[in-house]
């Protein structure tokens, strides 16, 4: 028999719904750790389904670098204030702010990079390929490859998380979204650096 206290504890640990917590505990025979893993596994699939939902609640994460010369604020949104007020969600926002301070992305995603910036990068990469003596058709492929690398290094969601390089920021958000059962997104950020 699963008690209400066990369900409440699992909900506080994961941010998942009461019924989901009860079901996970029932499926795992009351083993809290296995229930957490089960909720995480099911949650990633749910996160994809929730992509059309609106995320109008959230929190502001902030980070000031140890040298006191770089600061970041980031708005991370979710669907409910219940999730927005959990320690895990606030920790996610702080981790993203710290990541931004370290990596200085130019935008949240590739879609937000202006066409002018993309064209300037493309022109630089094409000039590099030509100076390397590459034939035109090979140069075009080289340019596209370098552009993809630029997007991966310059956009927040595609970057590898500084605390765990095996995970991108997008995967980190998807995992949290799956755990809490809500859509989570980075709405905007600002990075300030003294003299920069």
N, C-alpha and C. Protein backbone atom coordinates (compact mmCIF):
# COMPACT_ATOMS: atom_id res chain seq x y z
N UNK A 1 0.84 -1.20 0.00
CA UNK A 1 0.00 0.00 0.00
C UNK A 1 0.88 1.25 0.00
N UNK A 2 0.65 2.13 -0.95
CA UNK A 2 1.42 3.38 -1.07
C UNK A 2 0.73 4.45 -0.22
N UNK A 3 1.48 5.08 0.66
CA UNK A 3 0.90 6.10 1.54
C UNK A 3 0.92 7.47 0.87
N UNK A 4 0.07 8.36 1.36
CA UNK A 4 0.01 9.73 0.84
C UNK A 4 1.34 10.45 1.09
N UNK A 5 1.98 10.13 2.21
CA UNK A 5 3.27 10.76 2.54
C UNK A 5 4.34 10.37 1.52
N UNK A 6 4.33 9.11 1.08
CA UNK A 6 5.30 8.66 0.07
C UNK A 6 5.06 9.36 -1.27
N UNK A 7 3.78 9.50 -1.63
CA UNK A 7 3.43 10.19 -2.88
C UNK A 7 3.86 11.65 -2.79
N UNK A 8 3.60 12.28 -1.66
CA UNK A 8 3.97 13.69 -1.47
C UNK A 8 5.48 13.87 -1.56
N UNK A 9 6.22 12.95 -0.94
CA UNK A 9 7.68 13.02 -0.97
C UNK A 9 8.19 12.91 -2.41
N UNK A 10 7.65 11.96 -3.17
CA UNK A 10 8.08 11.78 -4.56
C UNK A 10 7.71 13.01 -5.39
N UNK A 11 6.55 13.58 -5.14
CA UNK A 11 6.13 14.79 -5.87
C UNK A 11 7.10 15.94 -5.58
N UNK A 12 7.50 16.09 -4.33
CA UNK A 12 8.44 17.15 -3.96
C UNK A 12 9.81 16.92 -4.59
N UNK A 13 10.19 15.65 -4.73
CA UNK A 13 11.49 15.32 -5.33
C UNK A 13 11.50 15.57 -6.83
N UNK A 14 10.37 15.32 -7.49
CA UNK A 14 10.35 15.34 -8.95
C UNK A 14 9.52 16.46 -9.56
N UNK A 15 8.55 16.97 -8.82
CA UNK A 15 7.65 17.97 -9.37
C UNK A 15 6.57 17.35 -10.26
N UNK A 16 6.54 16.02 -10.35
CA UNK A 16 5.54 15.34 -11.18
C UNK A 16 4.18 15.39 -10.49
N UNK A 17 3.12 15.12 -11.26
CA UNK A 17 1.76 15.14 -10.73
C UNK A 17 1.53 14.04 -9.70
N UNK A 18 0.54 14.28 -8.82
CA UNK A 18 0.23 13.33 -7.75
C UNK A 18 -0.10 11.93 -8.30
N UNK A 19 -0.95 11.89 -9.31
CA UNK A 19 -1.36 10.60 -9.87
C UNK A 19 -0.17 9.88 -10.52
N UNK A 20 0.68 10.65 -11.21
CA UNK A 20 1.87 10.06 -11.83
C UNK A 20 2.80 9.48 -10.76
N UNK A 21 2.94 10.22 -9.65
CA UNK A 21 3.80 9.76 -8.56
C UNK A 21 3.25 8.47 -7.95
N UNK A 22 1.94 8.45 -7.70
CA UNK A 22 1.31 7.27 -7.11
C UNK A 22 1.47 6.06 -8.04
N UNK A 23 1.25 6.28 -9.33
CA UNK A 23 1.37 5.20 -10.31
C UNK A 23 2.81 4.68 -10.37
N UNK A 24 3.77 5.60 -10.36
CA UNK A 24 5.19 5.20 -10.42
C UNK A 24 5.57 4.40 -9.18
N UNK A 25 5.11 4.84 -8.01
CA UNK A 25 5.41 4.11 -6.78
C UNK A 25 4.76 2.73 -6.79
N UNK A 26 3.53 2.65 -7.31
CA UNK A 26 2.84 1.35 -7.40
C UNK A 26 3.60 0.41 -8.33
N UNK A 27 4.02 0.93 -9.49
CA UNK A 27 4.74 0.12 -10.47
C UNK A 27 6.10 -0.36 -9.96
N UNK A 28 6.71 0.40 -9.06
CA UNK A 28 8.04 0.04 -8.56
C UNK A 28 7.99 -0.57 -7.17
N UNK A 29 6.80 -0.92 -6.73
CA UNK A 29 6.66 -1.57 -5.42
C UNK A 29 7.07 -0.67 -4.26
N UNK A 30 6.89 0.64 -4.43
CA UNK A 30 7.19 1.56 -3.35
C UNK A 30 8.65 2.01 -3.28
N UNK A 31 9.47 1.59 -4.24
CA UNK A 31 10.88 1.98 -4.27
C UNK A 31 11.00 3.39 -4.85
N UNK A 32 11.31 4.35 -3.99
CA UNK A 32 11.34 5.76 -4.39
C UNK A 32 12.36 6.03 -5.48
N UNK A 33 13.57 5.48 -5.36
CA UNK A 33 14.61 5.73 -6.36
C UNK A 33 14.21 5.20 -7.73
N UNK A 34 13.64 3.99 -7.75
CA UNK A 34 13.18 3.42 -9.03
C UNK A 34 12.02 4.24 -9.59
N UNK A 35 11.17 4.75 -8.70
CA UNK A 35 10.04 5.58 -9.13
C UNK A 35 10.53 6.87 -9.78
N UNK A 36 11.59 7.46 -9.21
CA UNK A 36 12.18 8.67 -9.79
C UNK A 36 12.69 8.36 -11.20
N UNK A 37 13.42 7.26 -11.36
CA UNK A 37 13.94 6.86 -12.68
C UNK A 37 12.81 6.62 -13.67
N UNK A 38 11.75 5.96 -13.22
CA UNK A 38 10.60 5.67 -14.07
C UNK A 38 9.94 6.97 -14.53
N UNK A 39 9.76 7.91 -13.61
CA UNK A 39 9.16 9.20 -13.96
C UNK A 39 10.04 9.96 -14.95
N UNK A 40 11.35 9.89 -14.78
CA UNK A 40 12.27 10.56 -15.71
C UNK A 40 12.15 9.95 -17.10
N UNK A 41 12.11 8.62 -17.19
CA UNK A 41 12.03 7.95 -18.49
C UNK A 41 10.72 8.30 -19.20
N UNK A 42 9.62 8.26 -18.46
CA UNK A 42 8.33 8.57 -19.06
C UNK A 42 8.22 10.05 -19.38
N UNK A 43 8.87 10.85 -18.58
CA UNK A 43 8.78 12.29 -18.73
C UNK A 43 9.37 12.83 -20.01
N UNK A 44 10.45 12.25 -20.48
CA UNK A 44 11.08 12.73 -21.72
C UNK A 44 10.11 12.60 -22.88
N UNK A 45 9.34 11.50 -22.90
CA UNK A 45 8.35 11.30 -23.96
C UNK A 45 7.22 12.32 -23.82
N UNK A 46 6.80 12.58 -22.59
CA UNK A 46 5.73 13.55 -22.35
C UNK A 46 6.16 14.95 -22.75
N UNK A 47 7.43 15.28 -22.54
CA UNK A 47 7.91 16.62 -22.84
C UNK A 47 7.73 16.94 -24.32
N UNK A 48 7.98 15.97 -25.16
CA UNK A 48 7.82 16.18 -26.60
C UNK A 48 6.36 16.48 -26.93
N UNK A 49 5.43 15.80 -26.25
CA UNK A 49 4.00 16.01 -26.49
C UNK A 49 3.54 17.38 -26.01
N UNK A 50 4.23 17.95 -25.03
CA UNK A 50 3.81 19.20 -24.42
C UNK A 50 4.35 20.43 -25.15
N UNK A 51 5.07 20.23 -26.23
CA UNK A 51 5.75 21.35 -26.89
C UNK A 51 4.79 22.43 -27.37
N UNK A 52 3.53 22.10 -27.59
CA UNK A 52 2.56 23.10 -28.06
C UNK A 52 1.91 23.88 -26.92
N UNK A 53 2.12 23.44 -25.69
CA UNK A 53 1.54 24.12 -24.52
C UNK A 53 2.20 25.48 -24.33
N UNK A 54 1.52 26.38 -23.61
CA UNK A 54 2.14 27.67 -23.34
C UNK A 54 2.79 27.65 -21.97
N UNK A 55 3.93 28.29 -21.89
CA UNK A 55 4.70 28.35 -20.64
C UNK A 55 4.69 29.80 -20.18
N UNK A 56 3.73 30.14 -19.32
CA UNK A 56 3.55 31.52 -18.90
C UNK A 56 3.99 31.79 -17.46
N UNK A 57 4.46 30.79 -16.77
CA UNK A 57 4.99 30.96 -15.42
C UNK A 57 6.50 30.76 -15.51
N UNK A 58 7.19 30.94 -14.41
CA UNK A 58 8.63 30.71 -14.46
C UNK A 58 9.38 31.44 -13.38
N UNK A 59 10.67 31.58 -13.62
CA UNK A 59 11.53 32.25 -12.66
C UNK A 59 12.67 32.95 -13.39
N UNK A 60 13.30 33.84 -12.67
CA UNK A 60 14.50 34.51 -13.19
C UNK A 60 15.69 33.88 -12.49
N UNK A 61 16.59 33.34 -13.28
CA UNK A 61 17.83 32.80 -12.72
C UNK A 61 18.92 33.86 -12.86
N UNK A 62 19.80 33.93 -11.90
CA UNK A 62 20.88 34.90 -12.00
C UNK A 62 22.19 34.26 -11.56
N UNK A 63 23.26 34.85 -12.05
CA UNK A 63 24.58 34.34 -11.70
C UNK A 63 25.58 35.48 -11.82
N UNK A 64 26.42 35.64 -10.82
CA UNK A 64 27.52 36.59 -10.87
C UNK A 64 28.80 35.77 -10.77
N UNK A 65 29.65 35.93 -11.77
CA UNK A 65 30.89 35.15 -11.84
C UNK A 65 31.81 35.51 -10.67
N UNK A 66 32.68 34.60 -10.28
CA UNK A 66 33.54 34.79 -9.11
C UNK A 66 34.42 36.03 -9.20
N UNK A 67 34.73 36.48 -10.43
CA UNK A 67 35.57 37.67 -10.57
C UNK A 67 34.78 38.98 -10.44
N UNK A 68 33.45 38.86 -10.25
CA UNK A 68 32.55 40.02 -10.14
C UNK A 68 32.59 40.93 -11.36
N UNK A 69 32.94 40.36 -12.52
CA UNK A 69 32.99 41.15 -13.74
C UNK A 69 32.00 40.66 -14.79
N UNK A 70 31.36 39.52 -14.55
CA UNK A 70 30.38 38.97 -15.48
C UNK A 70 29.12 38.60 -14.70
N UNK A 71 27.98 39.04 -15.22
CA UNK A 71 26.69 38.72 -14.59
C UNK A 71 25.69 38.32 -15.66
N UNK A 72 24.78 37.43 -15.29
CA UNK A 72 23.75 36.95 -16.22
C UNK A 72 22.42 36.89 -15.50
N UNK A 73 21.37 37.30 -16.20
CA UNK A 73 20.02 37.00 -15.76
C UNK A 73 19.33 36.26 -16.91
N UNK A 74 18.53 35.28 -16.56
CA UNK A 74 17.85 34.47 -17.57
C UNK A 74 16.42 34.19 -17.11
N UNK A 75 15.48 34.31 -18.04
CA UNK A 75 14.09 33.98 -17.75
C UNK A 75 13.82 32.57 -18.27
N UNK A 76 13.46 31.68 -17.34
CA UNK A 76 13.12 30.31 -17.71
C UNK A 76 11.65 30.11 -17.37
N UNK A 77 10.87 29.69 -18.36
CA UNK A 77 9.42 29.55 -18.18
C UNK A 77 8.97 28.11 -18.10
N UNK A 78 7.83 27.93 -17.43
CA UNK A 78 7.16 26.63 -17.33
C UNK A 78 5.66 26.90 -17.35
N UNK A 79 4.85 25.88 -17.15
CA UNK A 79 3.40 26.04 -17.28
C UNK A 79 2.71 26.47 -15.99
N UNK A 80 3.24 26.08 -14.83
CA UNK A 80 2.54 26.39 -13.57
C UNK A 80 3.48 27.01 -12.55
N UNK A 81 2.89 27.78 -11.64
CA UNK A 81 3.71 28.37 -10.59
C UNK A 81 4.18 27.32 -9.59
N UNK A 82 3.46 26.19 -9.52
CA UNK A 82 3.90 25.11 -8.63
C UNK A 82 5.31 24.65 -9.03
N UNK A 83 5.50 24.38 -10.31
CA UNK A 83 6.82 23.93 -10.80
C UNK A 83 7.83 25.07 -10.69
N UNK A 84 7.39 26.29 -11.03
CA UNK A 84 8.30 27.45 -10.99
C UNK A 84 8.90 27.66 -9.59
N UNK A 85 8.15 27.26 -8.57
CA UNK A 85 8.61 27.49 -7.20
C UNK A 85 9.38 26.31 -6.60
N UNK A 86 9.62 25.25 -7.39
CA UNK A 86 10.38 24.12 -6.84
C UNK A 86 11.87 24.44 -6.84
N UNK A 87 12.57 23.85 -5.91
CA UNK A 87 14.03 24.05 -5.81
C UNK A 87 14.74 23.58 -7.08
N UNK A 88 14.28 22.46 -7.64
CA UNK A 88 14.93 21.91 -8.84
C UNK A 88 14.80 22.87 -10.02
N UNK A 89 13.63 23.49 -10.17
CA UNK A 89 13.42 24.43 -11.28
C UNK A 89 14.29 25.67 -11.10
N UNK A 90 14.34 26.17 -9.88
CA UNK A 90 15.19 27.34 -9.60
C UNK A 90 16.67 27.00 -9.81
N UNK A 91 17.06 25.78 -9.45
CA UNK A 91 18.45 25.35 -9.66
C UNK A 91 18.75 25.26 -11.15
N UNK A 92 17.78 24.79 -11.94
CA UNK A 92 17.96 24.73 -13.41
C UNK A 92 18.21 26.14 -13.95
N UNK A 93 17.41 27.11 -13.52
CA UNK A 93 17.57 28.48 -14.00
C UNK A 93 18.95 29.02 -13.61
N UNK A 94 19.38 28.73 -12.41
CA UNK A 94 20.70 29.21 -11.97
C UNK A 94 21.82 28.53 -12.78
N UNK A 95 21.67 27.22 -13.02
CA UNK A 95 22.67 26.51 -13.82
C UNK A 95 22.75 27.08 -15.24
N UNK A 96 21.60 27.42 -15.82
CA UNK A 96 21.60 27.98 -17.17
C UNK A 96 22.26 29.35 -17.16
N UNK A 97 21.98 30.15 -16.13
CA UNK A 97 22.62 31.47 -16.02
C UNK A 97 24.14 31.33 -15.90
N UNK A 98 24.59 30.38 -15.07
CA UNK A 98 26.02 30.14 -14.91
C UNK A 98 26.65 29.68 -16.23
N UNK A 99 25.93 28.83 -16.94
CA UNK A 99 26.40 28.35 -18.25
C UNK A 99 26.56 29.52 -19.22
N UNK A 100 25.58 30.41 -19.26
CA UNK A 100 25.63 31.57 -20.16
C UNK A 100 26.82 32.46 -19.81
N UNK A 101 27.08 32.64 -18.51
CA UNK A 101 28.22 33.45 -18.10
C UNK A 101 29.52 32.86 -18.63
N UNK A 102 29.61 31.53 -18.64
CA UNK A 102 30.83 30.85 -19.07
C UNK A 102 31.00 30.79 -20.58
N UNK A 103 29.90 30.63 -21.32
CA UNK A 103 30.00 30.35 -22.75
C UNK A 103 29.64 31.50 -23.67
N UNK A 104 28.91 32.50 -23.15
CA UNK A 104 28.53 33.68 -23.92
C UNK A 104 27.85 33.35 -25.25
N UNK A 105 26.72 32.63 -25.24
CA UNK A 105 26.01 32.35 -26.49
C UNK A 105 25.46 33.64 -27.09
N UNK A 106 25.28 33.65 -28.42
CA UNK A 106 24.76 34.87 -29.05
C UNK A 106 23.23 34.85 -29.15
N UNK A 107 22.63 33.66 -29.01
CA UNK A 107 21.16 33.57 -29.04
C UNK A 107 20.73 32.28 -28.35
N UNK A 108 19.43 32.15 -28.15
CA UNK A 108 18.89 30.93 -27.53
C UNK A 108 18.95 29.77 -28.52
N UNK A 109 18.51 30.03 -29.75
CA UNK A 109 18.51 28.97 -30.77
C UNK A 109 18.97 29.52 -32.11
N UNK A 110 19.18 28.63 -33.04
CA UNK A 110 19.65 29.00 -34.38
C UNK A 110 18.66 29.93 -35.08
N UNK A 111 17.37 29.73 -34.83
CA UNK A 111 16.33 30.54 -35.47
C UNK A 111 16.44 32.02 -35.13
N UNK A 112 17.04 32.32 -33.98
CA UNK A 112 17.10 33.70 -33.51
C UNK A 112 18.33 34.46 -34.01
N UNK A 113 19.23 33.78 -34.70
CA UNK A 113 20.42 34.46 -35.24
C UNK A 113 20.00 35.19 -36.51
N UNK A 114 20.33 36.46 -36.60
CA UNK A 114 19.91 37.24 -37.76
C UNK A 114 20.59 36.72 -39.02
N UNK A 115 19.91 36.90 -40.13
CA UNK A 115 20.42 36.44 -41.42
C UNK A 115 21.73 37.15 -41.77
N UNK A 116 21.87 38.41 -41.31
CA UNK A 116 23.10 39.17 -41.56
C UNK A 116 24.31 38.47 -40.93
N UNK A 117 24.13 38.01 -39.69
CA UNK A 117 25.22 37.32 -38.99
C UNK A 117 25.56 36.02 -39.70
N UNK A 118 24.53 35.28 -40.10
CA UNK A 118 24.75 34.00 -40.79
C UNK A 118 25.49 34.24 -42.11
N UNK A 119 25.07 35.24 -42.86
CA UNK A 119 25.71 35.53 -44.15
C UNK A 119 27.16 35.98 -43.96
N UNK A 120 27.42 36.78 -42.91
CA UNK A 120 28.79 37.22 -42.64
C UNK A 120 29.68 36.03 -42.31
N UNK A 121 29.17 35.11 -41.48
CA UNK A 121 29.93 33.90 -41.14
C UNK A 121 30.17 33.06 -42.39
N UNK A 122 29.12 32.91 -43.20
CA UNK A 122 29.23 32.12 -44.43
C UNK A 122 30.32 32.70 -45.34
N UNK A 123 30.35 34.02 -45.47
CA UNK A 123 31.34 34.67 -46.33
C UNK A 123 32.76 34.45 -45.80
N UNK A 124 32.93 34.54 -44.48
CA UNK A 124 34.25 34.32 -43.88
C UNK A 124 34.70 32.88 -44.13
N UNK A 125 33.80 31.92 -43.91
CA UNK A 125 34.15 30.50 -44.10
C UNK A 125 34.46 30.20 -45.56
N UNK A 126 33.73 30.86 -46.48
CA UNK A 126 33.98 30.64 -47.91
C UNK A 126 35.36 31.18 -48.28
N UNK A 127 35.69 32.35 -47.76
CA UNK A 127 37.01 32.94 -48.03
C UNK A 127 38.12 32.03 -47.48
N UNK A 128 37.91 31.49 -46.28
CA UNK A 128 38.90 30.57 -45.69
C UNK A 128 39.09 29.35 -46.58
N UNK A 129 37.97 28.78 -47.05
CA UNK A 129 38.05 27.57 -47.89
C UNK A 129 38.78 27.87 -49.20
N UNK A 130 38.51 29.03 -49.76
CA UNK A 130 39.18 29.40 -51.02
C UNK A 130 40.68 29.58 -50.79
N UNK A 131 41.03 30.22 -49.67
CA UNK A 131 42.45 30.43 -49.37
C UNK A 131 43.16 29.11 -49.08
N UNK A 132 42.39 28.09 -48.66
CA UNK A 132 42.97 26.76 -48.46
C UNK A 132 43.09 26.01 -49.78
N UNK A 133 42.63 26.65 -50.88
CA UNK A 133 42.75 26.05 -52.20
C UNK A 133 41.71 24.98 -52.51
N UNK A 134 40.58 25.01 -51.83
CA UNK A 134 39.54 23.99 -52.05
C UNK A 134 38.74 24.32 -53.30
N UNK A 135 38.39 23.29 -54.08
CA UNK A 135 37.50 23.51 -55.22
C UNK A 135 36.13 24.02 -54.74
N UNK A 136 35.43 24.74 -55.61
CA UNK A 136 34.17 25.41 -55.22
C UNK A 136 33.14 24.46 -54.60
N UNK A 137 32.93 23.29 -55.25
CA UNK A 137 31.89 22.37 -54.72
C UNK A 137 32.27 21.80 -53.35
N UNK A 138 33.55 21.60 -53.11
CA UNK A 138 34.00 21.13 -51.79
C UNK A 138 33.94 22.28 -50.79
N UNK A 139 34.28 23.47 -51.24
CA UNK A 139 34.25 24.65 -50.37
C UNK A 139 32.84 24.87 -49.83
N UNK A 140 31.82 24.67 -50.68
CA UNK A 140 30.42 24.86 -50.25
C UNK A 140 30.09 23.90 -49.11
N UNK A 141 30.52 22.64 -49.23
CA UNK A 141 30.26 21.66 -48.17
C UNK A 141 31.02 22.00 -46.90
N UNK A 142 32.26 22.47 -47.07
CA UNK A 142 33.07 22.87 -45.91
C UNK A 142 32.39 24.03 -45.18
N UNK A 143 31.90 24.99 -45.94
CA UNK A 143 31.22 26.16 -45.36
C UNK A 143 30.00 25.71 -44.55
N UNK A 144 29.20 24.81 -45.11
CA UNK A 144 28.00 24.35 -44.40
C UNK A 144 28.38 23.62 -43.11
N UNK A 145 29.45 22.83 -43.17
CA UNK A 145 29.92 22.14 -41.97
C UNK A 145 30.38 23.12 -40.90
N UNK A 146 31.11 24.15 -41.32
CA UNK A 146 31.60 25.15 -40.36
C UNK A 146 30.44 25.98 -39.80
N UNK A 147 29.42 26.24 -40.63
CA UNK A 147 28.24 26.96 -40.14
C UNK A 147 27.52 26.15 -39.06
N UNK A 148 27.38 24.84 -39.29
CA UNK A 148 26.73 23.99 -38.29
C UNK A 148 27.52 24.00 -36.97
N UNK A 149 28.84 23.98 -37.09
CA UNK A 149 29.69 24.06 -35.90
C UNK A 149 29.50 25.40 -35.19
N UNK A 150 29.41 26.47 -35.97
CA UNK A 150 29.17 27.81 -35.42
C UNK A 150 27.85 27.83 -34.64
N UNK A 151 26.78 27.26 -35.21
CA UNK A 151 25.48 27.23 -34.53
C UNK A 151 25.57 26.44 -33.23
N UNK A 152 26.27 25.32 -33.28
CA UNK A 152 26.41 24.46 -32.11
C UNK A 152 27.16 25.16 -30.98
N UNK A 153 28.16 25.95 -31.33
CA UNK A 153 28.97 26.63 -30.33
C UNK A 153 28.37 27.95 -29.88
N UNK A 154 27.50 28.56 -30.70
CA UNK A 154 27.04 29.92 -30.44
C UNK A 154 25.61 30.04 -29.95
N UNK A 155 24.83 28.95 -30.03
CA UNK A 155 23.44 29.03 -29.60
C UNK A 155 23.26 28.23 -28.30
N UNK A 156 22.58 28.84 -27.36
CA UNK A 156 22.45 28.28 -26.02
C UNK A 156 21.96 26.84 -26.02
N UNK A 157 20.86 26.56 -26.70
CA UNK A 157 20.26 25.22 -26.63
C UNK A 157 21.16 24.13 -27.20
N UNK A 158 22.00 24.48 -28.17
CA UNK A 158 22.87 23.49 -28.81
C UNK A 158 24.19 23.29 -28.07
N UNK A 159 24.53 24.22 -27.17
CA UNK A 159 25.81 24.13 -26.47
C UNK A 159 25.84 22.97 -25.49
N UNK A 160 27.04 22.43 -25.29
CA UNK A 160 27.24 21.40 -24.28
C UNK A 160 27.27 22.08 -22.92
N UNK A 161 26.51 21.53 -21.98
CA UNK A 161 26.40 22.08 -20.64
C UNK A 161 27.77 22.08 -19.97
N UNK A 162 28.20 23.22 -19.43
CA UNK A 162 29.55 23.32 -18.88
C UNK A 162 29.78 22.38 -17.69
N UNK A 163 28.72 22.04 -16.95
CA UNK A 163 28.88 21.13 -15.81
C UNK A 163 28.82 19.66 -16.21
N UNK A 164 28.33 19.38 -17.43
CA UNK A 164 28.23 18.00 -17.93
C UNK A 164 28.27 18.04 -19.45
N UNK A 165 29.46 18.01 -20.05
CA UNK A 165 29.60 18.13 -21.51
C UNK A 165 28.93 17.03 -22.33
N UNK A 166 28.46 15.96 -21.67
CA UNK A 166 27.75 14.91 -22.40
C UNK A 166 26.31 15.30 -22.70
N UNK A 167 25.87 16.43 -22.14
CA UNK A 167 24.47 16.86 -22.27
C UNK A 167 24.44 18.29 -22.83
N UNK A 168 23.55 18.53 -23.81
CA UNK A 168 23.36 19.89 -24.29
C UNK A 168 22.36 20.59 -23.36
N UNK A 169 22.30 21.91 -23.46
CA UNK A 169 21.33 22.67 -22.66
C UNK A 169 19.91 22.23 -23.04
N UNK A 170 19.68 21.99 -24.31
CA UNK A 170 18.35 21.53 -24.75
C UNK A 170 18.00 20.18 -24.09
N UNK A 171 18.96 19.26 -24.02
CA UNK A 171 18.71 17.97 -23.37
C UNK A 171 18.47 18.14 -21.88
N UNK A 172 19.20 19.06 -21.25
CA UNK A 172 19.02 19.34 -19.83
C UNK A 172 17.60 19.83 -19.57
N UNK A 173 17.12 20.74 -20.42
CA UNK A 173 15.77 21.28 -20.28
C UNK A 173 14.73 20.19 -20.54
N UNK A 174 14.96 19.37 -21.58
CA UNK A 174 14.03 18.29 -21.91
C UNK A 174 13.92 17.30 -20.77
N UNK A 175 15.06 16.99 -20.14
CA UNK A 175 15.04 16.05 -19.02
C UNK A 175 14.22 16.62 -17.85
N UNK A 176 14.43 17.90 -17.54
CA UNK A 176 13.67 18.53 -16.46
C UNK A 176 12.19 18.59 -16.82
N UNK A 177 11.90 18.91 -18.08
CA UNK A 177 10.53 18.98 -18.56
C UNK A 177 9.85 17.62 -18.40
N UNK A 178 10.59 16.57 -18.74
CA UNK A 178 10.05 15.22 -18.59
C UNK A 178 9.81 14.86 -17.14
N UNK A 179 10.69 15.31 -16.27
CA UNK A 179 10.56 15.01 -14.84
C UNK A 179 9.34 15.69 -14.24
N UNK A 180 9.14 16.96 -14.57
CA UNK A 180 8.04 17.72 -13.96
C UNK A 180 6.75 17.62 -14.76
N UNK A 181 6.82 17.12 -15.98
CA UNK A 181 5.61 16.96 -16.80
C UNK A 181 5.08 18.27 -17.35
N UNK A 182 5.95 19.24 -17.53
CA UNK A 182 5.53 20.53 -18.08
C UNK A 182 6.50 21.00 -19.15
N UNK A 183 6.00 21.84 -20.02
CA UNK A 183 6.86 22.49 -21.02
C UNK A 183 7.76 23.48 -20.28
N UNK A 184 9.03 23.45 -20.61
CA UNK A 184 10.00 24.39 -20.04
C UNK A 184 10.77 25.01 -21.21
N UNK A 185 10.98 26.32 -21.14
CA UNK A 185 11.72 26.98 -22.20
C UNK A 185 12.47 28.19 -21.65
N UNK A 186 13.57 28.50 -22.31
CA UNK A 186 14.31 29.72 -21.99
C UNK A 186 13.68 30.83 -22.83
N UNK A 187 13.16 31.86 -22.16
CA UNK A 187 12.49 32.95 -22.87
C UNK A 187 13.48 34.00 -23.36
N UNK A 188 14.43 34.37 -22.50
CA UNK A 188 15.41 35.40 -22.86
C UNK A 188 16.52 35.44 -21.82
N UNK A 189 17.61 36.07 -22.19
CA UNK A 189 18.71 36.23 -21.24
C UNK A 189 19.48 37.50 -21.54
N UNK A 190 20.19 37.98 -20.55
CA UNK A 190 21.08 39.13 -20.72
C UNK A 190 22.38 38.80 -20.00
N UNK A 191 23.48 39.05 -20.69
CA UNK A 191 24.82 38.80 -20.12
C UNK A 191 25.57 40.12 -20.14
N UNK A 192 26.10 40.49 -18.99
CA UNK A 192 26.86 41.75 -18.89
C UNK A 192 28.26 41.43 -18.42
N UNK A 193 29.21 42.11 -19.04
CA UNK A 193 30.61 41.92 -18.65
C UNK A 193 31.29 43.28 -18.60
N UNK A 194 31.97 43.55 -17.51
CA UNK A 194 32.67 44.82 -17.37
C UNK A 194 33.77 44.90 -18.42
N UNK A 195 33.76 46.02 -19.16
CA UNK A 195 34.76 46.22 -20.20
C UNK A 195 34.58 45.36 -21.42
N UNK A 196 33.47 44.65 -21.52
CA UNK A 196 33.28 43.77 -22.68
C UNK A 196 31.96 43.89 -23.19
